[in-house]
């Protein structure tokens, strides 16, 4: 499988990966690679700050578009600090749960927060 390197620093324009909007840009680059049946090698070189909000947009959202097996086979993360890998692992677990039954997850969150549909 041909691979494409996705440099997060270059896409975002700096080392602060905190905004979901920036994560969306990375998501689109990864999605394009996967839809072309390429392996996405995601480099976090020179990235100094990463938030779960960014990772949810950049990587978590992929679980809504692709099967888990495809992502395991086609994604590789490089140059990520250990503490950021921990955040990424939590994001992936949450995304898998959410996309497995998103309607039920939304209903559970509303119930916990005491919200109704009105």
PDB file of N, CA and C in Angstrom:
ATOM      1  N   UNK A   1       0.854  -1.182   0.000  1.00  0.00           N
ATOM      2  CA  UNK A   1       0.000   0.000   0.000  1.00  0.00           C
ATOM      3  C   UNK A   1       0.898   1.243   0.000  1.00  0.00           C
ATOM      4  N   UNK A   2       0.630   2.120  -0.930  1.00  0.00           N
ATOM      5  CA  UNK A   2       1.370   3.383  -1.010  1.00  0.00           C
ATOM      6  C   UNK A   2       1.022   4.239   0.204  1.00  0.00           C
ATOM      7  N   UNK A   3       2.003   5.007   0.674  1.00  0.00           N
ATOM      8  CA  UNK A   3       1.734   5.860   1.839  1.00  0.00           C
ATOM      9  C   UNK A   3       1.939   7.328   1.495  1.00  0.00           C
ATOM     10  N   UNK A   4       1.256   8.160   2.281  1.00  0.00           N
ATOM     11  CA  UNK A   4       1.392   9.604   2.143  1.00  0.00           C
ATOM     12  C   UNK A   4       1.670  10.167   3.536  1.00  0.00           C
ATOM     13  N   UNK A   5       2.651  11.066   3.624  1.00  0.00           N
ATOM     14  CA  UNK A   5       2.984  11.673   4.902  1.00  0.00           C
ATOM     15  C   UNK A   5       2.153  12.938   5.080  1.00  0.00           C
ATOM     16  N   UNK A   6       1.520  13.018   6.237  1.00  0.00           N
ATOM     17  CA  UNK A   6       0.694  14.177   6.563  1.00  0.00           C
ATOM     18  C   UNK A   6       1.375  14.905   7.708  1.00  0.00           C
ATOM     19  N   UNK A   7       1.911  16.082   7.417  1.00  0.00           N
ATOM     20  CA  UNK A   7       2.652  16.848   8.408  1.00  0.00           C
ATOM     21  C   UNK A   7       1.693  17.835   9.083  1.00  0.00           C
ATOM     22  N   UNK A   8       1.335  17.506  10.325  1.00  0.00           N
ATOM     23  CA  UNK A   8       0.347  18.289  11.063  1.00  0.00           C
ATOM     24  C   UNK A   8       0.811  19.733  11.248  1.00  0.00           C
ATOM     25  N   UNK A   9       2.076  19.920  11.582  1.00  0.00           N
ATOM     26  CA  UNK A   9       2.623  21.266  11.781  1.00  0.00           C
ATOM     27  C   UNK A   9       2.398  22.127  10.535  1.00  0.00           C
ATOM     28  N   UNK A  10       2.681  21.567   9.366  1.00  0.00           N
ATOM     29  CA  UNK A  10       2.515  22.326   8.119  1.00  0.00           C
ATOM     30  C   UNK A  10       1.052  22.648   7.828  1.00  0.00           C
ATOM     31  N   UNK A  11       0.161  21.718   8.137  1.00  0.00           N
ATOM     32  CA  UNK A  11      -1.260  21.952   7.871  1.00  0.00           C
ATOM     33  C   UNK A  11      -1.805  23.034   8.803  1.00  0.00           C
ATOM     34  N   UNK A  12      -1.457  22.932  10.080  1.00  0.00           N
ATOM     35  CA  UNK A  12      -1.972  23.886  11.073  1.00  0.00           C
ATOM     36  C   UNK A  12      -1.275  25.237  10.956  1.00  0.00           C
ATOM     37  N   UNK A  13      -0.001  25.227  10.609  1.00  0.00           N
ATOM     38  CA  UNK A  13       0.746  26.470  10.444  1.00  0.00           C
ATOM     39  C   UNK A  13       1.568  26.855  11.660  1.00  0.00           C
ATOM     40  N   UNK A  14       1.466  26.056  12.736  1.00  0.00           N
ATOM     41  CA  UNK A  14       2.274  26.283  13.933  1.00  0.00           C
ATOM     42  C   UNK A  14       2.210  25.026  14.800  1.00  0.00           C
ATOM     43  N   UNK A  15       2.856  25.071  15.963  1.00  0.00           N
ATOM     44  CA  UNK A  15       2.938  23.906  16.833  1.00  0.00           C
ATOM     45  C   UNK A  15       1.811  23.775  17.828  1.00  0.00           C
ATOM     46  N   UNK A  16       0.835  24.672  17.778  1.00  0.00           N
ATOM     47  CA  UNK A  16      -0.289  24.637  18.721  1.00  0.00           C
ATOM     48  C   UNK A  16      -1.516  23.999  18.082  1.00  0.00           C
ATOM     49  N   UNK A  17      -1.714  22.734  18.380  1.00  0.00           N
ATOM     50  CA  UNK A  17      -2.847  21.988  17.835  1.00  0.00           C
ATOM     51  C   UNK A  17      -3.928  21.915  18.904  1.00  0.00           C
ATOM     52  N   UNK A  18      -4.667  22.999  19.021  1.00  0.00           N
ATOM     53  CA  UNK A  18      -5.667  23.117  20.083  1.00  0.00           C
ATOM     54  C   UNK A  18      -7.082  23.315  19.562  1.00  0.00           C
ATOM     55  N   UNK A  19      -7.230  23.844  18.378  1.00  0.00           N
ATOM     56  CA  UNK A  19      -8.557  24.195  17.867  1.00  0.00           C
ATOM     57  C   UNK A  19      -9.184  23.088  17.030  1.00  0.00           C
ATOM     58  N   UNK A  20     -10.460  22.802  17.263  1.00  0.00           N
ATOM     59  CA  UNK A  20     -11.152  21.808  16.438  1.00  0.00           C
ATOM     60  C   UNK A  20     -11.115  22.168  14.947  1.00  0.00           C
ATOM     61  N   UNK A  21     -11.130  23.455  14.636  1.00  0.00           N
ATOM     62  CA  UNK A  21     -11.094  23.893  13.237  1.00  0.00           C
ATOM     63  C   UNK A  21      -9.796  23.451  12.565  1.00  0.00           C
ATOM     64  N   UNK A  22      -8.697  23.507  13.297  1.00  0.00           N
ATOM     65  CA  UNK A  22      -7.422  23.029  12.753  1.00  0.00           C
ATOM     66  C   UNK A  22      -7.437  21.509  12.627  1.00  0.00           C
ATOM     67  N   UNK A  23      -8.066  20.846  13.578  1.00  0.00           N
ATOM     68  CA  UNK A  23      -8.213  19.395  13.500  1.00  0.00           C
ATOM     69  C   UNK A  23      -8.993  18.980  12.272  1.00  0.00           C
ATOM     70  N   UNK A  24      -9.987  19.785  11.920  1.00  0.00           N
ATOM     71  CA  UNK A  24     -10.796  19.510  10.723  1.00  0.00           C
ATOM     72  C   UNK A  24      -9.930  19.517   9.465  1.00  0.00           C
ATOM     73  N   UNK A  25      -8.969  20.430   9.389  1.00  0.00           N
ATOM     74  CA  UNK A  25      -8.058  20.485   8.235  1.00  0.00           C
ATOM     75  C   UNK A  25      -7.234  19.208   8.138  1.00  0.00           C
ATOM     76  N   UNK A  26      -6.764  18.727   9.282  1.00  0.00           N
ATOM     77  CA  UNK A  26      -5.980  17.492   9.314  1.00  0.00           C
ATOM     78  C   UNK A  26      -6.872  16.305   8.951  1.00  0.00           C
ATOM     79  N   UNK A  27      -8.094  16.294   9.479  1.00  0.00           N
ATOM     80  CA  UNK A  27      -9.062  15.250   9.148  1.00  0.00           C
ATOM     81  C   UNK A  27      -9.250  15.144   7.645  1.00  0.00           C
ATOM     82  N   UNK A  28      -9.445  16.274   6.981  1.00  0.00           N
ATOM     83  CA  UNK A  28      -9.664  16.277   5.529  1.00  0.00           C
ATOM     84  C   UNK A  28      -8.469  15.707   4.779  1.00  0.00           C
ATOM     85  N   UNK A  29      -7.252  16.023   5.233  1.00  0.00           N
ATOM     86  CA  UNK A  29      -6.042  15.491   4.584  1.00  0.00           C
ATOM     87  C   UNK A  29      -5.947  13.975   4.770  1.00  0.00           C
ATOM     88  N   UNK A  30      -6.251  13.514   5.978  1.00  0.00           N
ATOM     89  CA  UNK A  30      -6.209  12.075   6.248  1.00  0.00           C
ATOM     90  C   UNK A  30      -7.291  11.356   5.446  1.00  0.00           C
ATOM     91  N   UNK A  31      -8.496  11.906   5.463  1.00  0.00           N
ATOM     92  CA  UNK A  31      -9.626  11.313   4.746  1.00  0.00           C
ATOM     93  C   UNK A  31      -9.325  11.171   3.256  1.00  0.00           C
ATOM     94  N   UNK A  32      -8.729  12.192   2.682  1.00  0.00           N
ATOM     95  CA  UNK A  32      -8.377  12.169   1.259  1.00  0.00           C
ATOM     96  C   UNK A  32      -7.405  11.026   0.973  1.00  0.00           C
ATOM     97  N   UNK A  33      -6.413  10.853   1.844  1.00  0.00           N
ATOM     98  CA  UNK A  33      -5.443   9.770   1.664  1.00  0.00           C
ATOM     99  C   UNK A  33      -6.122   8.404   1.757  1.00  0.00           C
ATOM    100  N   UNK A  34      -6.963   8.234   2.769  1.00  0.00           N
ATOM    101  CA  UNK A  34      -7.625   6.938   2.968  1.00  0.00           C
ATOM    102  C   UNK A  34      -8.598   6.618   1.839  1.00  0.00           C
ATOM    103  N   UNK A  35      -9.303   7.624   1.361  1.00  0.00           N
ATOM    104  CA  UNK A  35     -10.236   7.408   0.251  1.00  0.00           C
ATOM    105  C   UNK A  35      -9.502   7.049  -1.036  1.00  0.00           C
ATOM    106  N   UNK A  36      -8.213   7.394  -1.117  1.00  0.00           N
ATOM    107  CA  UNK A  36      -7.384   7.028  -2.271  1.00  0.00           C
ATOM    108  C   UNK A  36      -6.651   5.715  -2.023  1.00  0.00           C
ATOM    109  N   UNK A  37      -7.076   4.997  -0.965  1.00  0.00           N
ATOM    110  CA  UNK A  37      -6.461   3.722  -0.578  1.00  0.00           C
ATOM    111  C   UNK A  37      -4.963   3.831  -0.315  1.00  0.00           C
ATOM    112  N   UNK A  38      -4.584   4.921   0.320  1.00  0.00           N
ATOM    113  CA  UNK A  38      -3.197   5.121   0.721  1.00  0.00           C
ATOM    114  C   UNK A  38      -3.097   5.040   2.234  1.00  0.00           C
ATOM    115  N   UNK A  39      -1.922   4.674   2.703  1.00  0.00           N
ATOM    116  CA  UNK A  39      -1.660   4.665   4.134  1.00  0.00           C
ATOM    117  C   UNK A  39      -1.309   6.089   4.552  1.00  0.00           C
ATOM    118  N   UNK A  40      -1.911   6.568   5.629  1.00  0.00           N
ATOM    119  CA  UNK A  40      -1.644   7.935   6.110  1.00  0.00           C
ATOM    120  C   UNK A  40      -0.639   7.870   7.251  1.00  0.00           C
ATOM    121  N   UNK A  41       0.537   8.437   7.024  1.00  0.00           N
ATOM    122  CA  UNK A  41       1.564   8.528   8.052  1.00  0.00           C
ATOM    123  C   UNK A  41       1.486   9.946   8.615  1.00  0.00           C
ATOM    124  N   UNK A  42       0.931  10.069   9.816  1.00  0.00           N
ATOM    125  CA  UNK A  42       0.644  11.371  10.401  1.00  0.00           C
ATOM    126  C   UNK A  42       1.801  11.787  11.304  1.00  0.00           C
ATOM    127  N   UNK A  43       2.508  12.831  10.907  1.00  0.00           N
ATOM    128  CA  UNK A  43       3.658  13.307  11.665  1.00  0.00           C
ATOM    129  C   UNK A  43       3.286  14.512  12.527  1.00  0.00           C
ATOM    130  N   UNK A  44       3.635  14.408  13.815  1.00  0.00           N
ATOM    131  CA  UNK A  44       3.418  15.505  14.751  1.00  0.00           C
ATOM    132  C   UNK A  44       4.736  16.210  15.080  1.00  0.00           C
ATOM    133  N   UNK A  45       5.702  16.080  14.190  1.00  0.00           N
ATOM    134  CA  UNK A  45       7.004  16.721  14.388  1.00  0.00           C
ATOM    135  C   UNK A  45       6.820  18.235  14.527  1.00  0.00           C
ATOM    136  N   UNK A  46       7.467  18.812  15.526  1.00  0.00           N
ATOM    137  CA  UNK A  46       7.432  20.244  15.842  1.00  0.00           C
ATOM    138  C   UNK A  46       6.115  20.711  16.466  1.00  0.00           C
ATOM    139  N   UNK A  47       5.212  19.793  16.746  1.00  0.00           N
ATOM    140  CA  UNK A  47       3.962  20.142  17.439  1.00  0.00           C
ATOM    141  C   UNK A  47       4.262  20.160  18.934  1.00  0.00           C
ATOM    142  N   UNK A  48       3.920  21.255  19.591  1.00  0.00           N
ATOM    143  CA  UNK A  48       4.242  21.412  21.017  1.00  0.00           C
ATOM    144  C   UNK A  48       3.038  21.246  21.940  1.00  0.00           C
ATOM    145  N   UNK A  49       1.843  21.530  21.433  1.00  0.00           N
ATOM    146  CA  UNK A  49       0.636  21.459  22.252  1.00  0.00           C
ATOM    147  C   UNK A  49      -0.470  20.763  21.461  1.00  0.00           C
ATOM    148  N   UNK A  50      -1.107  19.769  22.108  1.00  0.00           N
ATOM    149  CA  UNK A  50      -2.222  19.053  21.482  1.00  0.00           C
ATOM    150  C   UNK A  50      -3.347  18.940  22.503  1.00  0.00           C
ATOM    151  N   UNK A  51      -4.577  19.210  22.066  1.00  0.00           N
ATOM    152  CA  UNK A  51      -5.740  19.042  22.951  1.00  0.00           C
ATOM    153  C   UNK A  51      -6.619  17.911  22.429  1.00  0.00           C
ATOM    154  N   UNK A  52      -7.465  17.403  23.311  1.00  0.00           N
ATOM    155  CA  UNK A  52      -8.393  16.356  22.897  1.00  0.00           C
ATOM    156  C   UNK A  52      -9.399  16.908  21.878  1.00  0.00           C
ATOM    157  N   UNK A  53      -9.753  18.179  21.984  1.00  0.00           N
ATOM    158  CA  UNK A  53     -10.680  18.779  21.014  1.00  0.00           C
ATOM    159  C   UNK A  53     -10.093  18.717  19.603  1.00  0.00           C
ATOM    160  N   UNK A  54      -8.818  19.019  19.483  1.00  0.00           N
ATOM    161  CA  UNK A  54      -8.130  18.937  18.193  1.00  0.00           C
ATOM    162  C   UNK A  54      -8.126  17.498  17.685  1.00  0.00           C
ATOM    163  N   UNK A  55      -7.730  16.559  18.563  1.00  0.00           N
ATOM    164  CA  UNK A  55      -7.626  15.159  18.160  1.00  0.00           C
ATOM    165  C   UNK A  55      -8.991  14.556  17.829  1.00  0.00           C
ATOM    166  N   UNK A  56     -10.042  14.982  18.523  1.00  0.00           N
ATOM    167  CA  UNK A  56     -11.386  14.512  18.185  1.00  0.00           C
ATOM    168  C   UNK A  56     -11.745  14.893  16.759  1.00  0.00           C
ATOM    169  N   UNK A  57     -11.421  16.117  16.369  1.00  0.00           N
ATOM    170  CA  UNK A  57     -11.720  16.578  15.011  1.00  0.00           C
ATOM    171  C   UNK A  57     -10.803  15.931  13.979  1.00  0.00           C
ATOM    172  N   UNK A  58      -9.531  15.799  14.311  1.00  0.00           N
ATOM    173  CA  UNK A  58      -8.544  15.301  13.354  1.00  0.00           C
ATOM    174  C   UNK A  58      -8.618  13.789  13.162  1.00  0.00           C
ATOM    175  N   UNK A  59      -8.749  13.052  14.250  1.00  0.00           N
ATOM    176  CA  UNK A  59      -8.646  11.596  14.175  1.00  0.00           C
ATOM    177  C   UNK A  59      -9.916  10.891  14.656  1.00  0.00           C
ATOM    178  N   UNK A  60     -10.496  11.345  15.753  1.00  0.00           N
ATOM    179  CA  UNK A  60     -11.689  10.685  16.269  1.00  0.00           C
ATOM    180  C   UNK A  60     -12.806  10.607  15.248  1.00  0.00           C
ATOM    181  N   UNK A  61     -12.982  11.671  14.496  1.00  0.00           N
ATOM    182  CA  UNK A  61     -14.036  11.756  13.485  1.00  0.00           C
ATOM    183  C   UNK A  61     -13.893  10.707  12.376  1.00  0.00           C
ATOM    184  N   UNK A  62     -12.682  10.214  12.191  1.00  0.00           N
ATOM    185  CA  UNK A  62     -12.438   9.206  11.158  1.00  0.00           C
ATOM    186  C   UNK A  62     -13.249   7.945  11.410  1.00  0.00           C
ATOM    187  N   UNK A  63     -13.533   7.658  12.696  1.00  0.00           N
ATOM    188  CA  UNK A  63     -14.277   6.451  13.042  1.00  0.00           C
ATOM    189  C   UNK A  63     -15.738   6.531  12.606  1.00  0.00           C
ATOM    190  N   UNK A  64     -16.192   7.702  12.229  1.00  0.00           N
ATOM    191  CA  UNK A  64     -17.528   7.859  11.672  1.00  0.00           C
ATOM    192  C   UNK A  64     -17.569   7.633  10.178  1.00  0.00           C
ATOM    193  N   UNK A  65     -16.390   7.642   9.543  1.00  0.00           N
ATOM    194  CA  UNK A  65     -16.320   7.501   8.088  1.00  0.00           C
ATOM    195  C   UNK A  65     -15.692   6.187   7.626  1.00  0.00           C
ATOM    196  N   UNK A  66     -14.903   5.556   8.495  1.00  0.00           N
ATOM    197  CA  UNK A  66     -14.162   4.358   8.104  1.00  0.00           C
ATOM    198  C   UNK A  66     -14.299   3.271   9.167  1.00  0.00           C
ATOM    199  N   UNK A  67     -14.178   2.038   8.737  1.00  0.00           N
ATOM    200  CA  UNK A  67     -14.203   0.892   9.654  1.00  0.00           C
ATOM    201  C   UNK A  67     -12.928   0.888  10.492  1.00  0.00           C
ATOM    202  N   UNK A  68     -13.052   0.372  11.705  1.00  0.00           N
ATOM    203  CA  UNK A  68     -11.921   0.267  12.622  1.00  0.00           C
ATOM    204  C   UNK A  68     -10.747  -0.485  11.982  1.00  0.00           C
ATOM    205  N   UNK A  69     -11.033  -1.592  11.304  1.00  0.00           N
ATOM    206  CA  UNK A  69      -9.974  -2.398  10.679  1.00  0.00           C
ATOM    207  C   UNK A  69      -9.205  -1.590   9.632  1.00  0.00           C
ATOM    208  N   UNK A  70      -9.920  -0.802   8.858  1.00  0.00           N
ATOM    209  CA  UNK A  70      -9.279   0.039   7.828  1.00  0.00           C
ATOM    210  C   UNK A  70      -8.356   1.058   8.488  1.00  0.00           C
ATOM    211  N   UNK A  71      -8.810   1.661   9.585  1.00  0.00           N
ATOM    212  CA  UNK A  71      -7.991   2.667  10.262  1.00  0.00           C
ATOM    213  C   UNK A  71      -6.753   2.038  10.895  1.00  0.00           C
ATOM    214  N   UNK A  72      -6.905   0.870  11.491  1.00  0.00           N
ATOM    215  CA  UNK A  72      -5.752   0.180  12.079  1.00  0.00           C
ATOM    216  C   UNK A  72      -4.703  -0.120  11.028  1.00  0.00           C
ATOM    217  N   UNK A  73      -5.151  -0.510   9.865  1.00  0.00           N
ATOM    218  CA  UNK A  73      -4.262  -0.877   8.769  1.00  0.00           C
ATOM    219  C   UNK A  73      -3.639   0.345   8.088  1.00  0.00           C
ATOM    220  N   UNK A  74      -4.376   1.441   8.043  1.00  0.00           N
ATOM    221  CA  UNK A  74      -3.997   2.564   7.178  1.00  0.00           C
ATOM    222  C   UNK A  74      -3.475   3.807   7.889  1.00  0.00           C
ATOM    223  N   UNK A  75      -3.510   3.824   9.226  1.00  0.00           N
ATOM    224  CA  UNK A  75      -3.026   4.996   9.965  1.00  0.00           C
ATOM    225  C   UNK A  75      -1.759   4.663  10.732  1.00  0.00           C
ATOM    226  N   UNK A  76      -0.827   5.584  10.685  1.00  0.00           N
ATOM    227  CA  UNK A  76       0.377   5.473  11.496  1.00  0.00           C
ATOM    228  C   UNK A  76       0.701   6.862  12.032  1.00  0.00           C
ATOM    229  N   UNK A  77       0.931   6.945  13.342  1.00  0.00           N
ATOM    230  CA  UNK A  77       1.249   8.216  13.986  1.00  0.00           C
ATOM    231  C   UNK A  77       2.736   8.232  14.318  1.00  0.00           C
ATOM    232  N   UNK A  78       3.388   9.340  13.995  1.00  0.00           N
ATOM    233  CA  UNK A  78       4.821   9.490  14.236  1.00  0.00           C
ATOM    234  C   UNK A  78       5.098  10.780  14.999  1.00  0.00           C
ATOM    235  N   UNK A  79       6.214  10.780  15.702  1.00  0.00           N
ATOM    236  CA  UNK A  79       6.735  12.001  16.347  1.00  0.00           C
ATOM    237  C   UNK A  79       5.755  12.611  17.347  1.00  0.00           C
ATOM    238  N   UNK A  80       5.018  11.773  18.067  1.00  0.00           N
ATOM    239  CA  UNK A  80       4.064  12.267  19.053  1.00  0.00           C
ATOM    240  C   UNK A  80       4.592  11.961  20.450  1.00  0.00           C
ATOM    241  N   UNK A  81       4.550  12.965  21.334  1.00  0.00           N
ATOM    242  CA  UNK A  81       5.002  12.802  22.710  1.00  0.00           C
ATOM    243  C   UNK A  81       4.139  11.756  23.424  1.00  0.00           C
ATOM    244  N   UNK A  82       4.735  11.078  24.386  1.00  0.00           N
ATOM    245  CA  UNK A  82       4.039  10.018  25.117  1.00  0.00           C
ATOM    246  C   UNK A  82       2.762  10.530  25.761  1.00  0.00           C
ATOM    247  N   UNK A  83       2.800  11.706  26.386  1.00  0.00           N
ATOM    248  CA  UNK A  83       1.592  12.240  27.033  1.00  0.00           C
ATOM    249  C   UNK A  83       0.487  12.531  26.015  1.00  0.00           C
ATOM    250  N   UNK A  84       0.873  12.897  24.798  1.00  0.00           N
ATOM    251  CA  UNK A  84      -0.115  13.138  23.751  1.00  0.00           C
ATOM    252  C   UNK A  84      -0.668  11.821  23.209  1.00  0.00           C
ATOM    253  N   UNK A  85       0.141  10.767  23.221  1.00  0.00           N
ATOM    254  CA  UNK A  85      -0.334   9.444  22.818  1.00  0.00           C
ATOM    255  C   UNK A  85      -1.430   8.956  23.761  1.00  0.00           C
ATOM    256  N   UNK A  86      -1.305   9.301  25.028  1.00  0.00           N
ATOM    257  CA  UNK A  86      -2.326   8.930  26.011  1.00  0.00           C
ATOM    258  C   UNK A  86      -3.652   9.630  25.686  1.00  0.00           C
ATOM    259  N   UNK A  87      -3.566  10.913  25.344  1.00  0.00           N
ATOM    260  CA  UNK A  87      -4.772  11.662  24.955  1.00  0.00           C
ATOM    261  C   UNK A  87      -5.378  11.042  23.699  1.00  0.00           C
ATOM    262  N   UNK A  88      -4.529  10.710  22.739  1.00  0.00           N
ATOM    263  CA  UNK A  88      -5.012  10.111  21.490  1.00  0.00           C
ATOM    264  C   UNK A  88      -5.719   8.781  21.760  1.00  0.00           C
ATOM    265  N   UNK A  89      -5.170   7.986  22.638  1.00  0.00           N
ATOM    266  CA  UNK A  89      -5.794   6.696  22.964  1.00  0.00           C
ATOM    267  C   UNK A  89      -7.194   6.903  23.543  1.00  0.00           C
ATOM    268  N   UNK A  90      -7.339   7.895  24.436  1.00  0.00           N
ATOM    269  CA  UNK A  90      -8.656   8.206  25.007  1.00  0.00           C
ATOM    270  C   UNK A  90      -9.628   8.686  23.938  1.00  0.00           C
ATOM    271  N   UNK A  91      -9.139   9.506  23.030  1.00  0.00           N
ATOM    272  CA  UNK A  91      -9.973  10.015  21.938  1.00  0.00           C
ATOM    273  C   UNK A  91     -10.467   8.862  21.068  1.00  0.00           C
ATOM    274  N   UNK A  92      -9.586   7.933  20.747  1.00  0.00           N
ATOM    275  CA  UNK A  92      -9.956   6.791  19.902  1.00  0.00           C
ATOM    276  C   UNK A  92     -10.997   5.917  20.607  1.00  0.00           C
ATOM    277  N   UNK A  93     -10.799   5.642  21.885  1.00  0.00           N
ATOM    278  CA  UNK A  93     -11.762   4.842  22.642  1.00  0.00           C
ATOM    279  C   UNK A  93     -13.128   5.526  22.648  1.00  0.00           C
ATOM    280  N   UNK A  94     -13.136   6.822  22.917  1.00  0.00           N
ATOM    281  CA  UNK A  94     -14.391   7.583  22.926  1.00  0.00           C
ATOM    282  C   UNK A  94     -15.066   7.601  21.563  1.00  0.00           C
ATOM    283  N   UNK A  95     -14.277   7.762  20.511  1.00  0.00           N
ATOM    284  CA  UNK A  95     -14.838   7.809  19.153  1.00  0.00           C
ATOM    285  C   UNK A  95     -15.451   6.463  18.771  1.00  0.00           C
ATOM    286  N   UNK A  96     -14.771   5.388  19.116  1.00  0.00           N
ATOM    287  CA  UNK A  96     -15.312   4.059  18.808  1.00  0.00           C
ATOM    288  C   UNK A  96     -16.650   3.845  19.511  1.00  0.00           C
ATOM    289  N   UNK A  97     -16.725   4.234  20.776  1.00  0.00           N
ATOM    290  CA  UNK A  97     -17.980   4.094  21.519  1.00  0.00           C
ATOM    291  C   UNK A  97     -19.069   4.968  20.917  1.00  0.00           C
ATOM    292  N   UNK A  98     -18.733   6.209  20.614  1.00  0.00           N
ATOM    293  CA  UNK A  98     -19.714   7.145  20.067  1.00  0.00           C
ATOM    294  C   UNK A  98     -20.262   6.648  18.732  1.00  0.00           C
ATOM    295  N   UNK A  99     -19.373   6.293  17.811  1.00  0.00           N
ATOM    296  CA  UNK A  99     -19.831   5.922  16.474  1.00  0.00           C
ATOM    297  C   UNK A  99     -20.438   4.531  16.421  1.00  0.00           C
ATOM    298  N   UNK A 100     -20.225   3.734  17.444  1.00  0.00           N
ATOM    299  CA  UNK A 100     -20.865   2.415  17.516  1.00  0.00           C
ATOM    300  C   UNK A 100     -22.378   2.581  17.664  1.00  0.00           C
ATOM    301  N   UNK A 101     -22.794   3.572  18.448  1.00  0.00           N
ATOM    302  CA  UNK A 101     -24.220   3.839  18.658  1.00  0.00           C
ATOM    303  C   UNK A 101     -24.373   5.312  19.047  1.00  0.00           C
ATOM    304  N   UNK A 102     -24.213   6.185  18.073  1.00  0.00           N
ATOM    305  CA  UNK A 102     -24.176   7.622  18.348  1.00  0.00           C
ATOM    306  C   UNK A 102     -25.481   8.154  18.936  1.00  0.00           C
ATOM    307  N   UNK A 103     -26.620   7.667  18.459  1.00  0.00           N
ATOM    308  CA  UNK A 103     -27.901   8.161  18.979  1.00  0.00           C
ATOM    309  C   UNK A 103     -28.035   7.843  20.465  1.00  0.00           C
ATOM    310  N   UNK A 104     -27.671   6.637  20.836  1.00  0.00           N
ATOM    311  CA  UNK A 104     -27.748   6.239  22.246  1.00  0.00           C
ATOM    312  C   UNK A 104     -26.794   7.080  23.093  1.00  0.00           C
ATOM    313  N   UNK A 105     -25.607   7.357  22.559  1.00  0.00           N
ATOM    314  CA  UNK A 105     -24.624   8.168  23.279  1.00  0.00           C
ATOM    315  C   UNK A 105     -25.157   9.582  23.506  1.00  0.00           C
ATOM    316  N   UNK A 106     -25.754  10.183  22.490  1.00  0.00           N
ATOM    317  CA  UNK A 106     -26.318  11.531  22.609  1.00  0.00           C
ATOM    318  C   UNK A 106     -27.433  11.537  23.653  1.00  0.00           C
ATOM    319  N   UNK A 107     -28.294  10.537  23.613  1.00  0.00           N
ATOM    320  CA  UNK A 107     -29.387  10.452  24.581  1.00  0.00           C
ATOM    321  C   UNK A 107     -28.850  10.311  26.010  1.00  0.00           C
ATOM    322  N   UNK A 108     -27.809   9.511  26.180  1.00  0.00           N
ATOM    323  CA  UNK A 108     -27.207   9.329  27.510  1.00  0.00           C
ATOM    324  C   UNK A 108     -26.615  10.634  28.027  1.00  0.00           C
ATOM    325  N   UNK A 109     -25.946  11.368  27.154  1.00  0.00           N
ATOM    326  CA  UNK A 109     -25.338  12.645  27.553  1.00  0.00           C
ATOM    327  C   UNK A 109     -26.424  13.637  27.949  1.00  0.00           C
ATOM    328  N   UNK A 110     -27.500  13.712  27.154  1.00  0.00           N
ATOM    329  CA  UNK A 110     -28.613  14.610  27.486  1.00  0.00           C
ATOM    330  C   UNK A 110     -29.223  14.244  28.830  1.00  0.00           C
ATOM    331  N   UNK A 111     -29.360  12.957  29.068  1.00  0.00           N
ATOM    332  CA  UNK A 111     -29.940  12.497  30.334  1.00  0.00           C
ATOM    333  C   UNK A 111     -29.037  12.890  31.507  1.00  0.00           C
ATOM    334  N   UNK A 112     -27.743  12.695  31.348  1.00  0.00           N
ATOM    335  CA  UNK A 112     -26.790  13.050  32.407  1.00  0.00           C
ATOM    336  C   UNK A 112     -26.827  14.548  32.693  1.00  0.00           C
ATOM    337  N   UNK A 113     -26.925  15.341  31.646  1.00  0.00           N
ATOM    338  CA  UNK A 113     -26.926  16.796  31.793  1.00  0.00           C
ATOM    339  C   UNK A 113     -28.306  17.355  32.128  1.00  0.00           C
ATOM    340  N   UNK A 114     -29.315  16.486  32.137  1.00  0.00           N
ATOM    341  CA  UNK A 114     -30.662  16.928  32.494  1.00  0.00           C
ATOM    342  C   UNK A 114     -31.334  17.718  31.384  1.00  0.00           C
ATOM    343  N   UNK A 115     -30.931  17.483  30.156  1.00  0.00           N
ATOM    344  CA  UNK A 115     -31.519  18.194  29.015  1.00  0.00           C
ATOM    345  C   UNK A 115     -32.595  17.330  28.401  1.00  0.00           C
ATOM    346  N   UNK A 116     -33.566  17.995  27.786  1.00  0.00           N
ATOM    347  CA  UNK A 116     -34.563  17.256  27.009  1.00  0.00           C
ATOM    348  C   UNK A 116     -34.600  17.840  25.612  1.00  0.00           C
ATOM    349  N   UNK A 117     -35.435  17.316  24.767  1.00  0.00           N
ATOM    350  CA  UNK A 117     -35.478  17.733  23.361  1.00  0.00           C
ATOM    351  C   UNK A 117     -36.182  19.047  23.110  1.00  0.00           C
ATOM    352  N   UNK A 118     -36.739  19.660  24.121  1.00  0.00           N
ATOM    353  CA  UNK A 118     -37.486  20.911  23.936  1.00  0.00           C
ATOM    354  C   UNK A 118     -36.586  22.094  23.824  1.00  0.00           C
TER     355      UNK A 118
END
